[in-house]
C-alpha atoms as a PDB file:
ATOM      1  CA  MET A   1       0.009  24.975   1.460  1.00  0.00           C
ATOM      2  CA  SER A   2      -3.787  25.116   1.625  1.00  0.00           C
ATOM      3  CA  GLU A   3      -5.615  25.104   4.948  1.00  0.00           C
ATOM      4  CA  ARG A   4      -7.252  21.871   3.794  1.00  0.00           C
ATOM      5  CA  LYS A   5      -3.909  20.094   3.466  1.00  0.00           C
ATOM      6  CA  LYS A   6      -2.756  21.508   6.800  1.00  0.00           C
ATOM      7  CA  LYS A   7      -5.854  20.058   8.416  1.00  0.00           C
ATOM      8  CA  TYR A   8      -5.176  16.714   6.760  1.00  0.00           C
ATOM      9  CA  ILE A   9      -1.581  16.614   7.977  1.00  0.00           C
ATOM     10  CA  GLN A  10      -2.841  17.210  11.506  1.00  0.00           C
ATOM     11  CA  LEU A  11      -5.464  14.495  10.956  1.00  0.00           C
ATOM     12  CA  CYS A  12      -2.719  12.051   9.937  1.00  0.00           C
ATOM     13  CA  GLN A  13      -0.668  12.919  12.997  1.00  0.00           C
ATOM     14  CA  GLU A  14      -3.604  12.391  15.356  1.00  0.00           C
ATOM     15  CA  ASN A  15      -5.221   9.288  13.811  1.00  0.00           C
ATOM     16  CA  ASP A  16      -4.183   5.782  12.764  1.00  0.00           C
ATOM     17  CA  ILE A  17      -4.367   6.430   9.038  1.00  0.00           C
ATOM     18  CA  PRO A  18      -2.730   3.694   6.922  1.00  0.00           C
ATOM     19  CA  ILE A  19       0.727   4.421   5.607  1.00  0.00           C
ATOM     20  CA  PHE A  20      -0.288   4.766   1.931  1.00  0.00           C
ATOM     21  CA  SER A  21      -2.551   7.707   2.822  1.00  0.00           C
ATOM     22  CA  GLN A  22      -0.121   9.442   5.165  1.00  0.00           C
ATOM     23  CA  TYR A  23       0.934  12.916   4.054  1.00  0.00           C
ATOM     24  CA  PHE A  24       4.652  12.050   4.046  1.00  0.00           C
ATOM     25  CA  TRP A  25       4.008   9.035   1.783  1.00  0.00           C
ATOM     26  CA  LEU A  26       1.997  11.211  -0.618  1.00  0.00           C
ATOM     27  CA  ASP A  27       4.671  13.926  -0.561  1.00  0.00           C
ATOM     28  CA  ALA A  28       7.229  11.321  -1.649  1.00  0.00           C
ATOM     29  CA  VAL A  29       5.381   9.388  -4.351  1.00  0.00           C
ATOM     30  CA  CYS A  30       3.240  12.184  -5.817  1.00  0.00           C
ATOM     31  CA  GLY A  31       5.344  15.255  -5.165  1.00  0.00           C
ATOM     32  CA  GLU A  32       4.195  17.812  -2.607  1.00  0.00           C
ATOM     33  CA  GLU A  33       2.295  19.848  -5.215  1.00  0.00           C
ATOM     34  CA  ASN A  34       0.636  16.916  -6.979  1.00  0.00           C
ATOM     35  CA  TRP A  35      -1.670  15.574  -4.310  1.00  0.00           C
ATOM     36  CA  ASP A  36      -4.614  17.033  -2.491  1.00  0.00           C
ATOM     37  CA  VAL A  37      -7.413  15.891  -0.237  1.00  0.00           C
ATOM     38  CA  ILE A  38     -11.177  16.129   0.015  1.00  0.00           C
ATOM     39  CA  LEU A  39     -12.381  16.767   3.559  1.00  0.00           C
ATOM     40  CA  ILE A  40     -16.032  16.526   4.556  1.00  0.00           C
ATOM     41  CA  GLU A  41     -16.667  18.644   7.641  1.00  0.00           C
ATOM     42  CA  GLU A  42     -19.654  19.398   9.825  1.00  0.00           C
ATOM     43  CA  GLN A  43     -19.689  21.819  12.738  1.00  0.00           C
ATOM     44  CA  GLY A  44     -15.915  21.827  12.876  1.00  0.00           C
ATOM     45  CA  ASN A  45     -15.610  18.028  12.854  1.00  0.00           C
ATOM     46  CA  ILE A  46     -14.059  16.066   9.976  1.00  0.00           C
ATOM     47  CA  LEU A  47     -16.398  13.269   8.887  1.00  0.00           C
ATOM     48  CA  ALA A  48     -14.348  11.805   6.030  1.00  0.00           C
ATOM     49  CA  SER A  49     -11.157  12.296   4.045  1.00  0.00           C
ATOM     50  CA  LEU A  50     -10.129  11.311   0.532  1.00  0.00           C
ATOM     51  CA  PRO A  51      -6.480  11.995  -0.353  1.00  0.00           C
ATOM     52  CA  TYR A  52      -5.772  11.789  -4.072  1.00  0.00           C
ATOM     53  CA  TYR A  53      -3.022  11.995  -6.678  1.00  0.00           C
ATOM     54  CA  LEU A  54      -3.857  14.558  -9.368  1.00  0.00           C
ATOM     55  CA  ASN A  55      -2.096  13.552 -12.582  1.00  0.00           C
ATOM     56  CA  TYR A  56      -1.825  15.739 -15.679  1.00  0.00           C
ATOM     57  CA  ILE A  57      -2.798  14.143 -18.989  1.00  0.00           C
ATOM     58  CA  GLU A  58      -3.277  15.703 -22.389  1.00  0.00           C
ATOM     59  CA  GLY A  59      -6.241  18.027 -22.184  1.00  0.00           C
ATOM     60  CA  GLY A  60      -6.664  18.045 -18.425  1.00  0.00           C
ATOM     61  CA  PHE A  61      -6.255  16.121 -15.192  1.00  0.00           C
ATOM     62  CA  GLU A  62      -7.211  12.768 -13.763  1.00  0.00           C
ATOM     63  CA  ILE A  63      -7.270  11.205 -10.312  1.00  0.00           C
ATOM     64  CA  ARG A  64      -5.363   7.946 -10.462  1.00  0.00           C
ATOM     65  CA  LYS A  65      -3.572   5.474  -8.232  1.00  0.00           C
ATOM     66  CA  ALA A  66      -0.374   7.028  -6.952  1.00  0.00           C
ATOM     67  CA  PRO A  67       2.974   5.356  -7.781  1.00  0.00           C
ATOM     68  CA  LEU A  68       4.082   2.548  -5.432  1.00  0.00           C
ATOM     69  CA  THR A  69       0.795   2.943  -3.560  1.00  0.00           C
ATOM     70  CA  GLN A  70      -1.422  -0.017  -2.764  1.00  0.00           C
ATOM     71  CA  ASN A  71      -4.482   2.007  -1.833  1.00  0.00           C
ATOM     72  CA  ASN A  72      -5.924   5.351  -0.771  1.00  0.00           C
ATOM     73  CA  GLY A  73      -9.668   5.905  -0.793  1.00  0.00           C
ATOM     74  CA  VAL A  74     -12.175   7.302   1.685  1.00  0.00           C
ATOM     75  CA  PHE A  75     -11.654   7.089   5.435  1.00  0.00           C
ATOM     76  CA  PHE A  76     -14.551   7.773   7.792  1.00  0.00           C
ATOM     77  CA  TYR A  77     -14.417   9.362  11.228  1.00  0.00           C
ATOM     78  CA  TYR A  78     -17.563   8.029  12.864  1.00  0.00           C
ATOM     79  CA  PRO A  79     -19.469   9.437  15.826  1.00  0.00           C
ATOM     80  CA  SER A  80     -18.845   7.407  18.955  1.00  0.00           C
ATOM     81  CA  LYS A  81     -21.122   4.472  19.852  1.00  0.00           C
ATOM     82  CA  ILE A  82     -22.869   4.495  16.477  1.00  0.00           C
ATOM     83  CA  LYS A  83     -25.313   1.671  15.704  1.00  0.00           C
ATOM     84  CA  TYR A  84     -24.974  -0.362  12.514  1.00  0.00           C
ATOM     85  CA  GLU A  85     -27.985   1.131  10.694  1.00  0.00           C
ATOM     86  CA  SER A  86     -26.892   4.637  11.648  1.00  0.00           C
ATOM     87  CA  LYS A  87     -23.353   3.802  10.512  1.00  0.00           C
ATOM     88  CA  ILE A  88     -24.586   2.882   7.016  1.00  0.00           C
ATOM     89  CA  SER A  89     -26.732   6.018   6.859  1.00  0.00           C
ATOM     90  CA  PHE A  90     -23.716   8.079   7.909  1.00  0.00           C
ATOM     91  CA  GLU A  91     -21.612   6.505   5.144  1.00  0.00           C
ATOM     92  CA  HIS A  92     -24.266   7.138   2.495  1.00  0.00           C
ATOM     93  CA  LYS A  93     -24.681  10.792   3.487  1.00  0.00           C
ATOM     94  CA  VAL A  94     -20.964  11.463   3.662  1.00  0.00           C
ATOM     95  CA  LEU A  95     -20.083   9.586   0.460  1.00  0.00           C
ATOM     96  CA  ASP A  96     -22.639  11.603  -1.482  1.00  0.00           C
ATOM     97  CA  LYS A  97     -20.772  14.712  -0.379  1.00  0.00           C
ATOM     98  CA  VAL A  98     -17.416  13.149  -1.256  1.00  0.00           C
ATOM     99  CA  ILE A  99     -18.656  12.310  -4.753  1.00  0.00           C
ATOM    100  CA  ASP A 100     -20.019  15.852  -5.158  1.00  0.00           C
ATOM    101  CA  GLU A 101     -16.537  17.172  -4.408  1.00  0.00           C
ATOM    102  CA  ILE A 102     -14.874  14.727  -6.814  1.00  0.00           C
ATOM    103  CA  GLU A 103     -17.147  15.826  -9.619  1.00  0.00           C
ATOM    104  CA  LYS A 104     -16.474  19.517  -8.967  1.00  0.00           C
ATOM    105  CA  LEU A 105     -12.817  18.938  -9.869  1.00  0.00           C
ATOM    106  CA  ASN A 106     -13.478  18.844 -13.631  1.00  0.00           C
ATOM    107  CA  ILE A 107     -11.334  15.738 -14.118  1.00  0.00           C
ATOM    108  CA  SER A 108     -11.372  13.379 -17.080  1.00  0.00           C
ATOM    109  CA  ASN A 109     -11.064  10.135 -15.090  1.00  0.00           C
ATOM    110  CA  PHE A 110     -11.259   8.901 -11.528  1.00  0.00           C
ATOM    111  CA  ARG A 111      -9.617   5.685 -10.398  1.00  0.00           C
ATOM    112  CA  GLN A 112      -8.439   4.659  -6.942  1.00  0.00           C
ATOM    113  CA  TYR A 113      -7.799   1.454  -5.058  1.00  0.00           C
ATOM    114  CA  PHE A 114      -9.555   1.730  -1.703  1.00  0.00           C
ATOM    115  CA  HIS A 115      -8.248   0.392   1.606  1.00  0.00           C
ATOM    116  CA  TYR A 116      -9.753  -2.984   2.499  1.00  0.00           C
ATOM    117  CA  SER A 117     -11.484  -1.437   5.532  1.00  0.00           C
ATOM    118  CA  PHE A 118     -13.781   0.404   3.092  1.00  0.00           C
ATOM    119  CA  GLU A 119     -16.739  -1.944   2.531  1.00  0.00           C
ATOM    120  CA  ASN A 120     -19.681   0.152   1.347  1.00  0.00           C
ATOM    121  CA  TRP A 121     -19.311   1.409  -2.222  1.00  0.00           C
ATOM    122  CA  LEU A 122     -23.046   1.613  -2.961  1.00  0.00           C
ATOM    123  CA  PRO A 123     -23.193   5.436  -3.168  1.00  0.00           C
ATOM    124  CA  PHE A 124     -20.500   5.278  -5.875  1.00  0.00           C
ATOM    125  CA  TYR A 125     -22.533   2.651  -7.743  1.00  0.00           C
ATOM    126  CA  TRP A 126     -25.638   4.834  -7.559  1.00  0.00           C
ATOM    127  CA  ARG A 127     -23.674   7.726  -9.073  1.00  0.00           C
ATOM    128  CA  GLY A 128     -22.434   5.736 -12.079  1.00  0.00           C
ATOM    129  CA  TYR A 129     -19.030   4.514 -10.864  1.00  0.00           C
ATOM    130  CA  THR A 130     -17.806   0.993 -11.504  1.00  0.00           C
ATOM    131  CA  GLN A 131     -15.930  -1.383  -9.238  1.00  0.00           C
ATOM    132  CA  SER A 132     -13.703  -4.396  -9.640  1.00  0.00           C
ATOM    133  CA  THR A 133     -12.270  -6.462  -6.813  1.00  0.00           C
ATOM    134  CA  ARG A 134      -8.587  -6.894  -6.073  1.00  0.00           C
ATOM    135  CA  TYR A 135      -6.899  -8.961  -3.366  1.00  0.00           C
ATOM    136  CA  THR A 136      -4.133  -8.742  -0.865  1.00  0.00           C
ATOM    137  CA  TYR A 137      -2.988 -11.434   1.558  1.00  0.00           C
ATOM    138  CA  ILE A 138      -2.758 -10.664   5.260  1.00  0.00           C
ATOM    139  CA  ILE A 139      -1.682 -12.499   8.394  1.00  0.00           C
ATOM    140  CA  GLU A 140      -4.012 -10.855  10.897  1.00  0.00           C
ATOM    141  CA  ASP A 141      -2.677 -12.300  14.143  1.00  0.00           C
ATOM    142  CA  THR A 142       1.102 -12.510  14.342  1.00  0.00           C
ATOM    143  CA  SER A 143       1.323 -12.959  18.113  1.00  0.00           C
ATOM    144  CA  ASN A 144       2.319 -16.647  17.965  1.00  0.00           C
ATOM    145  CA  ILE A 145       5.147 -17.021  15.462  1.00  0.00           C
ATOM    146  CA  GLU A 146       5.406 -20.779  16.042  1.00  0.00           C
ATOM    147  CA  ALA A 147       1.726 -21.247  15.171  1.00  0.00           C
ATOM    148  CA  ILE A 148       2.187 -19.102  12.055  1.00  0.00           C
ATOM    149  CA  TYR A 149       5.164 -21.196  10.950  1.00  0.00           C
ATOM    150  CA  LYS A 150       3.107 -24.391  11.278  1.00  0.00           C
ATOM    151  CA  LYS A 151       0.533 -22.925   8.865  1.00  0.00           C
ATOM    152  CA  PHE A 152       3.134 -22.396   6.158  1.00  0.00           C
ATOM    153  CA  ASN A 153       2.922 -24.681   3.147  1.00  0.00           C
ATOM    154  CA  GLY A 154       5.485 -27.506   3.368  1.00  0.00           C
ATOM    155  CA  ASN A 155       7.436 -26.046   0.438  1.00  0.00           C
ATOM    156  CA  ILE A 156       7.787 -22.736   2.270  1.00  0.00           C
ATOM    157  CA  ARG A 157       9.117 -24.411   5.411  1.00  0.00           C
ATOM    158  CA  THR A 158      11.557 -26.487   3.338  1.00  0.00           C
ATOM    159  CA  ASN A 159      12.814 -23.383   1.529  1.00  0.00           C
ATOM    160  CA  ILE A 160      13.253 -21.477   4.788  1.00  0.00           C
ATOM    161  CA  LYS A 161      15.361 -24.307   6.210  1.00  0.00           C
ATOM    162  CA  LYS A 162      17.431 -24.453   3.016  1.00  0.00           C
ATOM    163  CA  ALA A 163      18.048 -20.700   3.012  1.00  0.00           C
ATOM    164  CA  ASP A 164      18.873 -20.699   6.711  1.00  0.00           C
ATOM    165  CA  SER A 165      21.704 -23.175   6.045  1.00  0.00           C
ATOM    166  CA  ILE A 166      23.221 -20.967   3.323  1.00  0.00           C
ATOM    167  CA  VAL A 167      22.714 -17.319   4.319  1.00  0.00           C
ATOM    168  CA  ARG A 168      22.417 -15.027   7.302  1.00  0.00           C
ATOM    169  CA  VAL A 169      20.111 -12.030   7.593  1.00  0.00           C
ATOM    170  CA  TYR A 170      21.491  -8.495   7.982  1.00  0.00           C
ATOM    171  CA  ASP A 171      20.049  -4.979   8.026  1.00  0.00           C
ATOM    172  CA  ASP A 172      23.084  -3.072   6.756  1.00  0.00           C
ATOM    173  CA  LEU A 173      22.273  -2.585   3.049  1.00  0.00           C
ATOM    174  CA  SER A 174      22.063   1.004   1.821  1.00  0.00           C
ATOM    175  CA  TYR A 175      18.943   2.132   0.005  1.00  0.00           C
ATOM    176  CA  GLU A 176      21.092   2.941  -3.037  1.00  0.00           C
ATOM    177  CA  ASP A 177      22.339  -0.649  -3.226  1.00  0.00           C
ATOM    178  CA  PHE A 178      18.836  -1.950  -2.638  1.00  0.00           C
ATOM    179  CA  TYR A 179      17.497   0.066  -5.566  1.00  0.00           C
ATOM    180  CA  ASN A 180      20.235  -1.295  -7.849  1.00  0.00           C
ATOM    181  CA  LEU A 181      19.411  -4.863  -6.834  1.00  0.00           C
ATOM    182  CA  ASN A 182      15.702  -4.209  -7.383  1.00  0.00           C
ATOM    183  CA  ARG A 183      16.436  -2.730 -10.817  1.00  0.00           C
ATOM    184  CA  LYS A 184      18.419  -5.836 -11.786  1.00  0.00           C
ATOM    185  CA  THR A 185      15.429  -7.994 -10.854  1.00  0.00           C
ATOM    186  CA  TYR A 186      13.239  -6.087 -13.319  1.00  0.00           C
ATOM    187  CA  GLY A 187      15.994  -6.179 -15.928  1.00  0.00           C
ATOM    188  CA  ARG A 188      16.206  -9.954 -15.663  1.00  0.00           C
ATOM    189  CA  GLN A 189      12.557 -10.038 -16.785  1.00  0.00           C
ATOM    190  CA  GLY A 190      13.254  -7.683 -19.687  1.00  0.00           C
ATOM    191  CA  LEU A 191      11.511  -4.801 -17.921  1.00  0.00           C
ATOM    192  CA  ASP A 192      12.504  -1.287 -16.933  1.00  0.00           C
ATOM    193  CA  ILE A 193      12.109  -0.535 -13.244  1.00  0.00           C
ATOM    194  CA  PRO A 194       8.776   1.353 -13.021  1.00  0.00           C
ATOM    195  CA  TYR A 195       9.916   4.115 -10.667  1.00  0.00           C
ATOM    196  CA  SER A 196      12.913   6.427 -10.666  1.00  0.00           C
ATOM    197  CA  PHE A 197      15.703   6.409  -8.130  1.00  0.00           C
ATOM    198  CA  GLU A 198      14.707   9.958  -7.152  1.00  0.00           C
ATOM    199  CA  LEU A 199      11.151   8.820  -6.292  1.00  0.00           C
ATOM    200  CA  PHE A 200      12.456   5.801  -4.376  1.00  0.00           C
ATOM    201  CA  GLU A 201      14.976   7.946  -2.497  1.00  0.00           C
ATOM    202  CA  ARG A 202      12.293  10.428  -1.418  1.00  0.00           C
ATOM    203  CA  LEU A 203      10.076   7.600  -0.229  1.00  0.00           C
ATOM    204  CA  TYR A 204      12.822   5.816   1.652  1.00  0.00           C
ATOM    205  CA  GLN A 205      13.989   9.001   3.352  1.00  0.00           C
ATOM    206  CA  ASN A 206      10.449  10.008   4.366  1.00  0.00           C
ATOM    207  CA  LEU A 207       9.822   6.562   5.838  1.00  0.00           C
ATOM    208  CA  ASP A 208      13.222   6.453   7.522  1.00  0.00           C
ATOM    209  CA  LYS A 209      12.678   9.900   9.061  1.00  0.00           C
ATOM    210  CA  ASN A 210       9.570   8.486  10.741  1.00  0.00           C
ATOM    211  CA  GLY A 211      11.246   5.199  11.749  1.00  0.00           C
ATOM    212  CA  LEU A 212       8.937   3.157   9.518  1.00  0.00           C
ATOM    213  CA  VAL A 213      11.249   1.293   7.115  1.00  0.00           C
ATOM    214  CA  LYS A 214      13.692  -1.611   7.273  1.00  0.00           C
ATOM    215  CA  ILE A 215      15.762  -3.331   4.586  1.00  0.00           C
ATOM    216  CA  LEU A 216      16.704  -6.942   5.328  1.00  0.00           C
ATOM    217  CA  THR A 217      19.442  -8.620   3.312  1.00  0.00           C
ATOM    218  CA  ALA A 218      20.454 -12.270   2.914  1.00  0.00           C
ATOM    219  CA  LYS A 219      24.220 -12.819   2.549  1.00  0.00           C
ATOM    220  CA  ASP A 220      26.323 -15.959   2.455  1.00  0.00           C
ATOM    221  CA  GLU A 221      29.605 -16.504   4.312  1.00  0.00           C
ATOM    222  CA  LYS A 222      31.538 -14.821   1.466  1.00  0.00           C
ATOM    223  CA  GLU A 223      29.370 -11.665   1.806  1.00  0.00           C
ATOM    224  CA  ASN A 224      27.597 -12.347  -1.490  1.00  0.00           C
ATOM    225  CA  ILE A 225      24.160 -10.707  -1.485  1.00  0.00           C
ATOM    226  CA  HIS A 226      21.501 -13.251  -2.448  1.00  0.00           C
ATOM    227  CA  SER A 227      18.425 -11.078  -1.967  1.00  0.00           C
ATOM    228  CA  ALA A 228      17.018  -8.093  -0.105  1.00  0.00           C
ATOM    229  CA  ALA A 229      13.510  -7.069   0.946  1.00  0.00           C
ATOM    230  CA  LEU A 230      12.129  -3.711   2.012  1.00  0.00           C
ATOM    231  CA  PHE A 231       9.437  -3.551   4.678  1.00  0.00           C
ATOM    232  CA  ALA A 232       7.450  -0.526   5.849  1.00  0.00           C
ATOM    233  CA  GLN A 233       5.078  -0.241   8.765  1.00  0.00           C
ATOM    234  CA  ASP A 234       2.366   1.910  10.267  1.00  0.00           C
ATOM    235  CA  SER A 235       0.493   1.626  13.558  1.00  0.00           C
ATOM    236  CA  ASP A 236      -1.467  -1.388  12.282  1.00  0.00           C
ATOM    237  CA  SER A 237       0.652  -3.441   9.866  1.00  0.00           C
ATOM    238  CA  VAL A 238       4.048  -4.346   8.485  1.00  0.00           C
ATOM    239  CA  TYR A 239       4.045  -4.280   4.659  1.00  0.00           C
ATOM    240  CA  TYR A 240       6.208  -6.254   2.258  1.00  0.00           C
ATOM    241  CA  LEU A 241       6.794  -3.451  -0.245  1.00  0.00           C
ATOM    242  CA  MET A 242       9.474  -4.649  -2.657  1.00  0.00           C
ATOM    243  CA  SER A 243      12.471  -6.934  -3.047  1.00  0.00           C
ATOM    244  CA  GLY A 244      15.370  -7.844  -5.284  1.00  0.00           C
ATOM    245  CA  SER A 245      17.389 -11.013  -5.875  1.00  0.00           C
ATOM    246  CA  ASP A 246      20.645 -11.862  -7.584  1.00  0.00           C
ATOM    247  CA  GLN A 247      19.973 -14.289 -10.428  1.00  0.00           C
ATOM    248  CA  GLU A 248      23.139 -16.256  -9.590  1.00  0.00           C
ATOM    249  CA  TYR A 249      21.871 -17.111  -6.100  1.00  0.00           C
ATOM    250  CA  ARG A 250      18.125 -17.533  -6.598  1.00  0.00           C
ATOM    251  CA  SER A 251      18.305 -21.255  -5.822  1.00  0.00           C
ATOM    252  CA  SER A 252      19.183 -20.503  -2.196  1.00  0.00           C
ATOM    253  CA  GLN A 253      15.516 -19.497  -1.589  1.00  0.00           C
ATOM    254  CA  SER A 254      16.737 -16.577   0.514  1.00  0.00           C
ATOM    255  CA  LEU A 255      13.771 -14.317  -0.333  1.00  0.00           C
ATOM    256  CA  THR A 256      11.426 -16.781   1.369  1.00  0.00           C
ATOM    257  CA  LEU A 257      13.574 -16.511   4.493  1.00  0.00           C
ATOM    258  CA  LEU A 258      13.487 -12.694   4.346  1.00  0.00           C
ATOM    259  CA  ILE A 259       9.696 -12.654   4.142  1.00  0.00           C
ATOM    260  CA  TYR A 260       9.607 -14.923   7.187  1.00  0.00           C
ATOM    261  CA  GLU A 261      11.867 -12.405   8.959  1.00  0.00           C
ATOM    262  CA  GLY A 262       9.409  -9.662   7.962  1.00  0.00           C
ATOM    263  CA  ILE A 263       6.583 -11.650   9.549  1.00  0.00           C
ATOM    264  CA  LYS A 264       8.704 -11.985  12.695  1.00  0.00           C
ATOM    265  CA  LEU A 265       9.135  -8.206  12.651  1.00  0.00           C
ATOM    266  CA  ALA A 266       5.350  -7.796  12.608  1.00  0.00           C
ATOM    267  CA  SER A 267       5.070 -10.278  15.475  1.00  0.00           C
ATOM    268  CA  GLN A 268       7.609  -8.372  17.558  1.00  0.00           C
ATOM    269  CA  HIS A 269       5.556  -5.189  17.194  1.00  0.00           C
ATOM    270  CA  GLY A 270       2.137  -6.827  17.600  1.00  0.00           C
ATOM    271  CA  LYS A 271       1.047  -5.909  14.061  1.00  0.00           C
ATOM    272  CA  LYS A 272      -0.559  -7.553  11.043  1.00  0.00           C
ATOM    273  CA  PHE A 273       1.604  -8.603   8.119  1.00  0.00           C
ATOM    274  CA  ASP A 274       0.372  -7.405   4.730  1.00  0.00           C
ATOM    275  CA  PHE A 275       1.860  -8.925   1.569  1.00  0.00           C
ATOM    276  CA  GLU A 276       0.548  -5.818  -0.270  1.00  0.00           C
ATOM    277  CA  GLY A 277      -1.337  -7.858  -2.831  1.00  0.00           C
ATOM    278  CA  SER A 278      -0.834  -9.059  -6.369  1.00  0.00           C
ATOM    279  CA  MET A 279      -3.177 -10.173  -9.114  1.00  0.00           C
ATOM    280  CA  LYS A 280      -0.401 -12.159 -10.824  1.00  0.00           C
ATOM    281  CA  LYS A 281      -1.075 -15.877 -10.558  1.00  0.00           C
ATOM    282  CA  ASN A 282       2.402 -17.033  -9.566  1.00  0.00           C
ATOM    283  CA  ILE A 283       2.846 -14.280  -6.966  1.00  0.00           C
ATOM    284  CA  GLU A 284      -0.607 -14.872  -5.492  1.00  0.00           C
ATOM    285  CA  LYS A 285       0.191 -18.556  -5.040  1.00  0.00           C
ATOM    286  CA  PHE A 286       3.500 -17.743  -3.346  1.00  0.00           C
ATOM    287  CA  PHE A 287       1.865 -15.361  -0.858  1.00  0.00           C
ATOM    288  CA  ARG A 288      -0.962 -17.775  -0.114  1.00  0.00           C
ATOM    289  CA  GLN A 289       1.531 -20.481   0.858  1.00  0.00           C
ATOM    290  CA  PHE A 290       2.520 -18.449   3.919  1.00  0.00           C
ATOM    291  CA  GLY A 291      -0.898 -19.181   5.436  1.00  0.00           C
ATOM    292  CA  ALA A 292      -2.144 -15.650   4.884  1.00  0.00           C
ATOM    293  CA  VAL A 293      -5.834 -14.844   4.470  1.00  0.00           C
ATOM    294  CA  GLN A 294      -7.177 -13.499   1.168  1.00  0.00           C
ATOM    295  CA  VAL A 295      -8.634 -10.013   1.718  1.00  0.00           C
ATOM    296  CA  PRO A 296     -10.580  -8.147  -0.997  1.00  0.00           C
ATOM    297  CA  TYR A 297     -10.421  -4.443  -1.682  1.00  0.00           C
ATOM    298  CA  PHE A 298     -12.145  -2.211  -4.242  1.00  0.00           C
ATOM    299  CA  ASP A 299     -10.857  -0.679  -7.459  1.00  0.00           C
ATOM    300  CA  ILE A 300     -13.401   2.120  -8.032  1.00  0.00           C
ATOM    301  CA  SER A 301     -13.427   4.187 -11.211  1.00  0.00           C
ATOM    302  CA  LYS A 302     -15.399   6.464 -13.495  1.00  0.00           C
ATOM    303  CA  VAL A 303     -14.646   7.951 -16.916  1.00  0.00           C
ATOM    304  CA  PHE A 304     -15.825  11.499 -17.568  1.00  0.00           C
ATOM    305  CA  ASN A 305     -15.976  13.531 -20.754  1.00  0.00           C
ATOM    306  CA  LYS A 306     -12.360  14.535 -21.396  1.00  0.00           C
ATOM    307  CA  ARG A 307     -13.196  18.117 -22.329  1.00  0.00           C
ATOM    308  CA  THR A 308     -15.714  19.088 -19.663  1.00  0.00           C
ATOM    309  CA  GLY A 309     -15.151  16.633 -16.862  1.00  0.00           C
ATOM    310  CA  GLN A 310     -18.841  15.767 -16.936  1.00  0.00           C
ATOM    311  CA  LYS A 311     -20.007  12.224 -17.460  1.00  0.00           C
ATOM    312  CA  ASN A 312     -21.087  11.053 -20.891  1.00  0.00           C
ATOM    313  CA  ASP A 313     -24.791  10.325 -21.369  1.00  0.00           C
END
């Protein structure tokens, strides 16, 4: 392991870095040898980090969004008590150095989704990168679960009450059974599940080792599984990562109840609840009905010459 990655692992252990950029997440979804990190340092202090997934394509490599990963991007480590104007100047100086390091990698393409805390992409724009906006939905303050419930759309509250009369919530489902249920959900739509069991197993085990994952399951009185949802958390948020439902029992609306239980989990730990975003119209509408706030984040990219890694004129 490089000294750079060792430094980053220590950085993760000592700072509140979001779960999708934690070293153990990257180990699981990328493979330990397939991710790296750019560190910008000055006088022994780390000013910024950019973890990335390095993917092999015909003729070279590209930096792309890692599997099952909502975002990565640049994280800054600011000097204390920095004023706003100085903060922007700091970002511009550091991002120029980050971009220099990206372009030394001789890659064919760069594309990452950045964490929503990253707001200043101007230095990327000035260097020929493009940006499109994506959205997640977040419940920022989960401290008052009764107040949150009142903000739910009427259909959501009705569906929670319906599900509550049919099923009970458990946390005893194995990750193997969860994966099979999730795979059936994709199959019902005529799709192959987009990640292997081996990848999912690594991710689950890495999260479980750190006490950061919970699977909630809705079962009826005959022990029939209606649906299951997997939640992960870091120091800041609980994330709704994935779910699966049995086609035969979809009318029970049990998944809505499980998401509500995930929000309660966030409330118990004093954390935000992040729906982890979707650009699909029907999913976006469903998330919005929980009273969550729409939060934008950046999809930043650049295409380089495939042979040299240098930009086309």
